[in-house]
Amino acid sequence: MAQLRDARDDLSAAMQSRTVIDLATGAIMAQNRCGQEAAFDILRKASMSRNVKLHEVAACVVAALANDGLPVRTHYHD
């Protein structure tokens, strides 16, 4: 049971991270008028150059666009 709970928690965290990354990718696409691959590459390069996890960079991008100072929340539910 513990292994199943751990697997569920890991999958949930992955889905939440993926949602934030997708939101940031879309925002970069809109701002730069580029395709999804180019936008993701921008996000990935920012992550690598700052030595920060990709989902954290993505959350900063989305939070900067929201401009309300609140942490980014996803709408993924179990």
PDB file of N, CA and C in Angstrom:
ATOM      1  N   MET A   1       0.822  -1.189   0.000  1.00  0.00           N
ATOM      2  CA  MET A   1       0.000   0.000   0.000  1.00  0.00           C
ATOM      3  C   MET A   1       0.869   1.258   0.000  1.00  0.00           C
ATOM      4  N   ALA A   2       1.937   1.227   0.752  1.00  0.00           N
ATOM      5  CA  ALA A   2       2.824   2.390   0.828  1.00  0.00           C
ATOM      6  C   ALA A   2       3.451   2.675  -0.532  1.00  0.00           C
ATOM      7  N   GLN A   3       3.823   1.635  -1.249  1.00  0.00           N
ATOM      8  CA  GLN A   3       4.408   1.820  -2.577  1.00  0.00           C
ATOM      9  C   GLN A   3       3.393   2.439  -3.536  1.00  0.00           C
ATOM     10  N   LEU A   4       2.155   2.015  -3.451  1.00  0.00           N
ATOM     11  CA  LEU A   4       1.112   2.580  -4.310  1.00  0.00           C
ATOM     12  C   LEU A   4       0.869   4.052  -3.985  1.00  0.00           C
ATOM     13  N   ARG A   5       0.878   4.378  -2.695  1.00  0.00           N
ATOM     14  CA  ARG A   5       0.711   5.787  -2.293  1.00  0.00           C
ATOM     15  C   ARG A   5       1.869   6.635  -2.802  1.00  0.00           C
ATOM     16  N   ASP A   6       3.082   6.102  -2.686  1.00  0.00           N
ATOM     17  CA  ASP A   6       4.262   6.827  -3.179  1.00  0.00           C
ATOM     18  C   ASP A   6       4.184   7.034  -4.692  1.00  0.00           C
ATOM     19  N   ALA A   7       3.783   5.995  -5.396  1.00  0.00           N
ATOM     20  CA  ALA A   7       3.658   6.099  -6.853  1.00  0.00           C
ATOM     21  C   ALA A   7       2.588   7.123  -7.219  1.00  0.00           C
ATOM     22  N   ARG A   8       1.459   7.114  -6.517  1.00  0.00           N
ATOM     23  CA  ARG A   8       0.394   8.081  -6.770  1.00  0.00           C
ATOM     24  C   ARG A   8       0.882   9.497  -6.514  1.00  0.00           C
ATOM     25  N   ASP A   9       1.589   9.701  -5.418  1.00  0.00           N
ATOM     26  CA  ASP A   9       2.113  11.029  -5.086  1.00  0.00           C
ATOM     27  C   ASP A   9       3.125  11.506  -6.125  1.00  0.00           C
ATOM     28  N   ASP A  10       3.972  10.591  -6.587  1.00  0.00           N
ATOM     29  CA  ASP A  10       4.953  10.943  -7.611  1.00  0.00           C
ATOM     30  C   ASP A  10       4.273  11.326  -8.920  1.00  0.00           C
ATOM     31  N   LEU A  11       3.259  10.575  -9.318  1.00  0.00           N
ATOM     32  CA  LEU A  11       2.530  10.888 -10.547  1.00  0.00           C
ATOM     33  C   LEU A  11       1.789  12.212 -10.436  1.00  0.00           C
ATOM     34  N   SER A  12       1.227  12.472  -9.276  1.00  0.00           N
ATOM     35  CA  SER A  12       0.521  13.736  -9.057  1.00  0.00           C
ATOM     36  C   SER A  12       1.484  14.920  -9.159  1.00  0.00           C
ATOM     37  N   ALA A  13       2.648  14.791  -8.545  1.00  0.00           N
ATOM     38  CA  ALA A  13       3.654  15.858  -8.609  1.00  0.00           C
ATOM     39  C   ALA A  13       4.121  16.067 -10.049  1.00  0.00           C
ATOM     40  N   ALA A  14       4.284  14.979 -10.788  1.00  0.00           N
ATOM     41  CA  ALA A  14       4.712  15.084 -12.185  1.00  0.00           C
ATOM     42  C   ALA A  14       3.660  15.799 -13.024  1.00  0.00           C
ATOM     43  N   MET A  15       2.395  15.496 -12.806  1.00  0.00           N
ATOM     44  CA  MET A  15       1.319  16.137 -13.557  1.00  0.00           C
ATOM     45  C   MET A  15       1.245  17.628 -13.232  1.00  0.00           C
ATOM     46  N   GLN A  16       1.427  17.981 -11.979  1.00  0.00           N
ATOM     47  CA  GLN A  16       1.396  19.390 -11.593  1.00  0.00           C
ATOM     48  C   GLN A  16       2.567  20.142 -12.210  1.00  0.00           C
ATOM     49  N   SER A  17       3.748  19.544 -12.186  1.00  0.00           N
ATOM     50  CA  SER A  17       4.924  20.176 -12.800  1.00  0.00           C
ATOM     51  C   SER A  17       4.719  20.335 -14.297  1.00  0.00           C
ATOM     52  N   ARG A  18       4.172  19.316 -14.935  1.00  0.00           N
ATOM     53  CA  ARG A  18       3.956  19.350 -16.379  1.00  0.00           C
ATOM     54  C   ARG A  18       2.972  20.449 -16.753  1.00  0.00           C
ATOM     55  N   THR A  19       1.948  20.644 -15.927  1.00  0.00           N
ATOM     56  CA  THR A  19       0.963  21.685 -16.198  1.00  0.00           C
ATOM     57  C   THR A  19       1.608  23.063 -16.163  1.00  0.00           C
ATOM     58  N   VAL A  20       2.438  23.316 -15.180  1.00  0.00           N
ATOM     59  CA  VAL A  20       3.116  24.611 -15.069  1.00  0.00           C
ATOM     60  C   VAL A  20       4.065  24.816 -16.246  1.00  0.00           C
ATOM     61  N   ILE A  21       4.759  23.761 -16.645  1.00  0.00           N
ATOM     62  CA  ILE A  21       5.669  23.851 -17.782  1.00  0.00           C
ATOM     63  C   ILE A  21       4.886  24.158 -19.059  1.00  0.00           C
ATOM     64  N   ASP A  22       3.742  23.510 -19.234  1.00  0.00           N
ATOM     65  CA  ASP A  22       2.914  23.771 -20.416  1.00  0.00           C
ATOM     66  C   ASP A  22       2.382  25.202 -20.428  1.00  0.00           C
ATOM     67  N   LEU A  23       1.975  25.703 -19.272  1.00  0.00           N
ATOM     68  CA  LEU A  23       1.508  27.092 -19.190  1.00  0.00           C
ATOM     69  C   LEU A  23       2.626  28.068 -19.569  1.00  0.00           C
ATOM     70  N   ALA A  24       3.806  27.838 -19.029  1.00  0.00           N
ATOM     71  CA  ALA A  24       4.942  28.720 -19.327  1.00  0.00           C
ATOM     72  C   ALA A  24       5.324  28.632 -20.801  1.00  0.00           C
ATOM     73  N   THR A  25       5.286  27.428 -21.350  1.00  0.00           N
ATOM     74  CA  THR A  25       5.600  27.260 -22.765  1.00  0.00           C
ATOM     75  C   THR A  25       4.622  28.049 -23.621  1.00  0.00           C
ATOM     76  N   GLY A  26       3.349  27.976 -23.288  1.00  0.00           N
ATOM     77  CA  GLY A  26       2.339  28.736 -24.024  1.00  0.00           C
ATOM     78  C   GLY A  26       2.557  30.231 -23.917  1.00  0.00           C
ATOM     79  N   ALA A  27       2.924  30.689 -22.734  1.00  0.00           N
ATOM     80  CA  ALA A  27       3.174  32.118 -22.534  1.00  0.00           C
ATOM     81  C   ALA A  27       4.372  32.576 -23.371  1.00  0.00           C
ATOM     82  N   ILE A  28       5.416  31.766 -23.392  1.00  0.00           N
ATOM     83  CA  ILE A  28       6.604  32.102 -24.187  1.00  0.00           C
ATOM     84  C   ILE A  28       6.259  32.096 -25.673  1.00  0.00           C
ATOM     85  N   MET A  29       5.432  31.143 -26.093  1.00  0.00           N
ATOM     86  CA  MET A  29       5.000  31.097 -27.495  1.00  0.00           C
ATOM     87  C   MET A  29       4.275  32.391 -27.871  1.00  0.00           C
ATOM     88  N   ALA A  30       3.399  32.847 -26.988  1.00  0.00           N
ATOM     89  CA  ALA A  30       2.627  34.060 -27.270  1.00  0.00           C
ATOM     90  C   ALA A  30       3.522  35.295 -27.285  1.00  0.00           C
ATOM     91  N   GLN A  31       4.427  35.390 -26.328  1.00  0.00           N
ATOM     92  CA  GLN A  31       5.289  36.562 -26.240  1.00  0.00           C
ATOM     93  C   GLN A  31       6.289  36.642 -27.380  1.00  0.00           C
ATOM     94  N   ASN A  32       6.809  35.498 -27.801  1.00  0.00           N
ATOM     95  CA  ASN A  32       7.865  35.477 -28.808  1.00  0.00           C
ATOM     96  C   ASN A  32       7.366  35.090 -30.194  1.00  0.00           C
ATOM     97  N   ARG A  33       6.078  34.817 -30.293  1.00  0.00           N
ATOM     98  CA  ARG A  33       5.497  34.379 -31.569  1.00  0.00           C
ATOM     99  C   ARG A  33       6.325  33.265 -32.204  1.00  0.00           C
ATOM    100  N   CYS A  34       6.504  32.210 -31.408  1.00  0.00           N
ATOM    101  CA  CYS A  34       7.293  31.070 -31.869  1.00  0.00           C
ATOM    102  C   CYS A  34       6.497  29.790 -31.639  1.00  0.00           C
ATOM    103  N   GLY A  35       7.027  28.699 -32.112  1.00  0.00           N
ATOM    104  CA  GLY A  35       6.386  27.405 -31.944  1.00  0.00           C
ATOM    105  C   GLY A  35       6.661  26.805 -30.578  1.00  0.00           C
ATOM    106  N   GLN A  36       5.985  25.691 -30.332  1.00  0.00           N
ATOM    107  CA  GLN A  36       6.107  25.021 -29.033  1.00  0.00           C
ATOM    108  C   GLN A  36       7.529  24.535 -28.776  1.00  0.00           C
ATOM    109  N   GLU A  37       8.151  23.972 -29.781  1.00  0.00           N
ATOM    110  CA  GLU A  37       9.508  23.456 -29.597  1.00  0.00           C
ATOM    111  C   GLU A  37      10.491  24.572 -29.262  1.00  0.00           C
ATOM    112  N   ALA A  38      10.392  25.698 -29.952  1.00  0.00           N
ATOM    113  CA  ALA A  38      11.285  26.833 -29.691  1.00  0.00           C
ATOM    114  C   ALA A  38      11.028  27.409 -28.304  1.00  0.00           C
ATOM    115  N   ALA A  39       9.758  27.488 -27.921  1.00  0.00           N
ATOM    116  CA  ALA A  39       9.418  28.022 -26.595  1.00  0.00           C
ATOM    117  C   ALA A  39       9.942  27.115 -25.494  1.00  0.00           C
ATOM    118  N   PHE A  40       9.793  25.808 -25.664  1.00  0.00           N
ATOM    119  CA  PHE A  40      10.298  24.876 -24.669  1.00  0.00           C
ATOM    120  C   PHE A  40      11.811  24.950 -24.592  1.00  0.00           C
ATOM    121  N   ASP A  41      12.467  25.139 -25.737  1.00  0.00           N
ATOM    122  CA  ASP A  41      13.922  25.265 -25.760  1.00  0.00           C
ATOM    123  C   ASP A  41      14.378  26.498 -24.976  1.00  0.00           C
ATOM    124  N   ILE A  42      13.653  27.599 -25.112  1.00  0.00           N
ATOM    125  CA  ILE A  42      13.958  28.818 -24.342  1.00  0.00           C
ATOM    126  C   ILE A  42      13.858  28.529 -22.851  1.00  0.00           C
ATOM    127  N   LEU A  43      12.785  27.849 -22.475  1.00  0.00           N
ATOM    128  CA  LEU A  43      12.568  27.503 -21.067  1.00  0.00           C
ATOM    129  C   LEU A  43      13.658  26.575 -20.555  1.00  0.00           C
ATOM    130  N   ARG A  44      14.007  25.572 -21.363  1.00  0.00           N
ATOM    131  CA  ARG A  44      15.041  24.614 -20.974  1.00  0.00           C
ATOM    132  C   ARG A  44      16.401  25.283 -20.825  1.00  0.00           C
ATOM    133  N   LYS A  45      16.744  26.171 -21.751  1.00  0.00           N
ATOM    134  CA  LYS A  45      18.025  26.872 -21.672  1.00  0.00           C
ATOM    135  C   LYS A  45      18.086  27.783 -20.448  1.00  0.00           C
ATOM    136  N   ALA A  46      16.961  28.432 -20.125  1.00  0.00           N
ATOM    137  CA  ALA A  46      16.922  29.278 -18.919  1.00  0.00           C
ATOM    138  C   ALA A  46      17.137  28.424 -17.674  1.00  0.00           C
ATOM    139  N   SER A  47      16.544  27.247 -17.659  1.00  0.00           N
ATOM    140  CA  SER A  47      16.715  26.336 -16.533  1.00  0.00           C
ATOM    141  C   SER A  47      18.165  25.899 -16.391  1.00  0.00           C
ATOM    142  N   MET A  48      18.773  25.533 -17.501  1.00  0.00           N
ATOM    143  CA  MET A  48      20.157  25.058 -17.465  1.00  0.00           C
ATOM    144  C   MET A  48      21.127  26.171 -17.096  1.00  0.00           C
ATOM    145  N   SER A  49      20.925  27.362 -17.643  1.00  0.00           N
ATOM    146  CA  SER A  49      21.878  28.444 -17.376  1.00  0.00           C
ATOM    147  C   SER A  49      21.790  28.938 -15.939  1.00  0.00           C
ATOM    148  N   ARG A  50      20.628  28.800 -15.334  1.00  0.00           N
ATOM    149  CA  ARG A  50      20.444  29.234 -13.940  1.00  0.00           C
ATOM    150  C   ARG A  50      20.635  28.105 -12.931  1.00  0.00           C
ATOM    151  N   ASN A  51      20.785  26.873 -13.464  1.00  0.00           N
ATOM    152  CA  ASN A  51      20.905  25.686 -12.624  1.00  0.00           C
ATOM    153  C   ASN A  51      19.709  25.569 -11.674  1.00  0.00           C
ATOM    154  N   VAL A  52      18.529  25.767 -12.247  1.00  0.00           N
ATOM    155  CA  VAL A  52      17.268  25.690 -11.509  1.00  0.00           C
ATOM    156  C   VAL A  52      16.381  24.687 -12.237  1.00  0.00           C
ATOM    157  N   LYS A  53      15.621  23.925 -11.490  1.00  0.00           N
ATOM    158  CA  LYS A  53      14.751  22.930 -12.108  1.00  0.00           C
ATOM    159  C   LYS A  53      13.786  23.585 -13.086  1.00  0.00           C
ATOM    160  N   LEU A  54      13.491  22.857 -14.136  1.00  0.00           N
ATOM    161  CA  LEU A  54      12.641  23.365 -15.207  1.00  0.00           C
ATOM    162  C   LEU A  54      11.283  23.826 -14.690  1.00  0.00           C
ATOM    163  N   HIS A  55      10.663  23.043 -13.820  1.00  0.00           N
ATOM    164  CA  HIS A  55       9.343  23.429 -13.332  1.00  0.00           C
ATOM    165  C   HIS A  55       9.401  24.675 -12.454  1.00  0.00           C
ATOM    166  N   GLU A  56      10.528  24.932 -11.808  1.00  0.00           N
ATOM    167  CA  GLU A  56      10.662  26.145 -11.001  1.00  0.00           C
ATOM    168  C   GLU A  56      10.795  27.378 -11.887  1.00  0.00           C
ATOM    169  N   VAL A  57      11.558  27.257 -12.974  1.00  0.00           N
ATOM    170  CA  VAL A  57      11.671  28.361 -13.930  1.00  0.00           C
ATOM    171  C   VAL A  57      10.304  28.630 -14.550  1.00  0.00           C
ATOM    172  N   ALA A  58       9.605  27.556 -14.908  1.00  0.00           N
ATOM    173  CA  ALA A  58       8.275  27.696 -15.500  1.00  0.00           C
ATOM    174  C   ALA A  58       7.319  28.391 -14.534  1.00  0.00           C
ATOM    175  N   ALA A  59       7.373  28.030 -13.264  1.00  0.00           N
ATOM    176  CA  ALA A  59       6.503  28.664 -12.263  1.00  0.00           C
ATOM    177  C   ALA A  59       6.817  30.154 -12.146  1.00  0.00           C
ATOM    178  N   CYS A  60       8.085  30.521 -12.248  1.00  0.00           N
ATOM    179  CA  CYS A  60       8.460  31.944 -12.202  1.00  0.00           C
ATOM    180  C   CYS A  60       7.918  32.695 -13.410  1.00  0.00           C
ATOM    181  N   VAL A  61       7.967  32.069 -14.577  1.00  0.00           N
ATOM    182  CA  VAL A  61       7.442  32.701 -15.793  1.00  0.00           C
ATOM    183  C   VAL A  61       5.945  32.959 -15.634  1.00  0.00           C
ATOM    184  N   VAL A  62       5.215  31.954 -15.199  1.00  0.00           N
ATOM    185  CA  VAL A  62       3.767  32.087 -15.037  1.00  0.00           C
ATOM    186  C   VAL A  62       3.436  33.093 -13.938  1.00  0.00           C
ATOM    187  N   ALA A  63       4.175  33.059 -12.841  1.00  0.00           N
ATOM    188  CA  ALA A  63       3.933  34.006 -11.747  1.00  0.00           C
ATOM    189  C   ALA A  63       4.201  35.438 -12.191  1.00  0.00           C
ATOM    190  N   ALA A  64       5.227  35.641 -13.005  1.00  0.00           N
ATOM    191  CA  ALA A  64       5.531  36.984 -13.494  1.00  0.00           C
ATOM    192  C   ALA A  64       4.409  37.516 -14.376  1.00  0.00           C
ATOM    193  N   LEU A  65       3.796  36.637 -15.126  1.00  0.00           N
ATOM    194  CA  LEU A  65       2.683  37.055 -15.976  1.00  0.00           C
ATOM    195  C   LEU A  65       1.439  37.360 -15.158  1.00  0.00           C
ATOM    196  N   ALA A  66       1.234  36.604 -14.093  1.00  0.00           N
ATOM    197  CA  ALA A  66       0.061  36.820 -13.241  1.00  0.00           C
ATOM    198  C   ALA A  66       0.170  38.154 -12.506  1.00  0.00           C
ATOM    199  N   ASN A  67       1.401  38.517 -12.130  1.00  0.00           N
ATOM    200  CA  ASN A  67       1.677  39.813 -11.510  1.00  0.00           C
ATOM    201  C   ASN A  67       0.846  40.066 -10.252  1.00  0.00           C
ATOM    202  N   ASP A  68       0.513  38.995  -9.524  1.00  0.00           N
ATOM    203  CA  ASP A  68      -0.258  39.190  -8.300  1.00  0.00           C
ATOM    204  C   ASP A  68       0.488  38.726  -7.053  1.00  0.00           C
ATOM    205  N   GLY A  69       1.714  38.227  -7.240  1.00  0.00           N
ATOM    206  CA  GLY A  69       2.537  37.829  -6.107  1.00  0.00           C
ATOM    207  C   GLY A  69       2.155  36.500  -5.485  1.00  0.00           C
ATOM    208  N   LEU A  70       1.133  35.847  -6.012  1.00  0.00           N
ATOM    209  CA  LEU A  70       0.696  34.570  -5.453  1.00  0.00           C
ATOM    210  C   LEU A  70       1.445  33.425  -6.118  1.00  0.00           C
ATOM    211  N   PRO A  71       1.639  32.327  -5.382  1.00  0.00           N
ATOM    212  CA  PRO A  71       2.303  31.180  -6.005  1.00  0.00           C
ATOM    213  C   PRO A  71       1.426  30.588  -7.106  1.00  0.00           C
ATOM    214  N   VAL A  72       2.064  29.942  -8.067  1.00  0.00           N
ATOM    215  CA  VAL A  72       1.342  29.314  -9.165  1.00  0.00           C
ATOM    216  C   VAL A  72       0.641  28.055  -8.653  1.00  0.00           C
ATOM    217  N   ARG A  73      -0.639  27.947  -8.991  1.00  0.00           N
ATOM    218  CA  ARG A  73      -1.403  26.774  -8.610  1.00  0.00           C
ATOM    219  C   ARG A  73      -1.951  26.121  -9.876  1.00  0.00           C
ATOM    220  N   THR A  74      -1.886  24.809  -9.899  1.00  0.00           N
ATOM    221  CA  THR A  74      -2.428  24.082 -11.043  1.00  0.00           C
ATOM    222  C   THR A  74      -3.825  23.594 -10.701  1.00  0.00           C
ATOM    223  N   HIS A  75      -4.532  23.183 -11.720  1.00  0.00           N
ATOM    224  CA  HIS A  75      -5.888  22.691 -11.522  1.00  0.00           C
ATOM    225  C   HIS A  75      -5.972  21.187 -11.689  1.00  0.00           C
ATOM    226  N   TYR A  76      -4.833  20.535 -11.544  1.00  0.00           N
ATOM    227  CA  TYR A  76      -4.809  19.077 -11.640  1.00  0.00           C
ATOM    228  C   TYR A  76      -5.329  18.513 -10.328  1.00  0.00           C
ATOM    229  N   HIS A  77      -6.275  17.614 -10.409  1.00  0.00           N
ATOM    230  CA  HIS A  77      -6.855  16.983  -9.212  1.00  0.00           C
ATOM    231  C   HIS A  77      -6.700  15.469  -9.307  1.00  0.00           C
ATOM    232  N   ASP A  78      -6.569  14.821  -8.161  1.00  0.00           N
ATOM    233  CA  ASP A  78      -6.446  13.355  -8.114  1.00  0.00           C
ATOM    234  C   ASP A  78      -7.700  12.700  -8.618  1.00  0.00           C
TER     235      ASP A  78
END
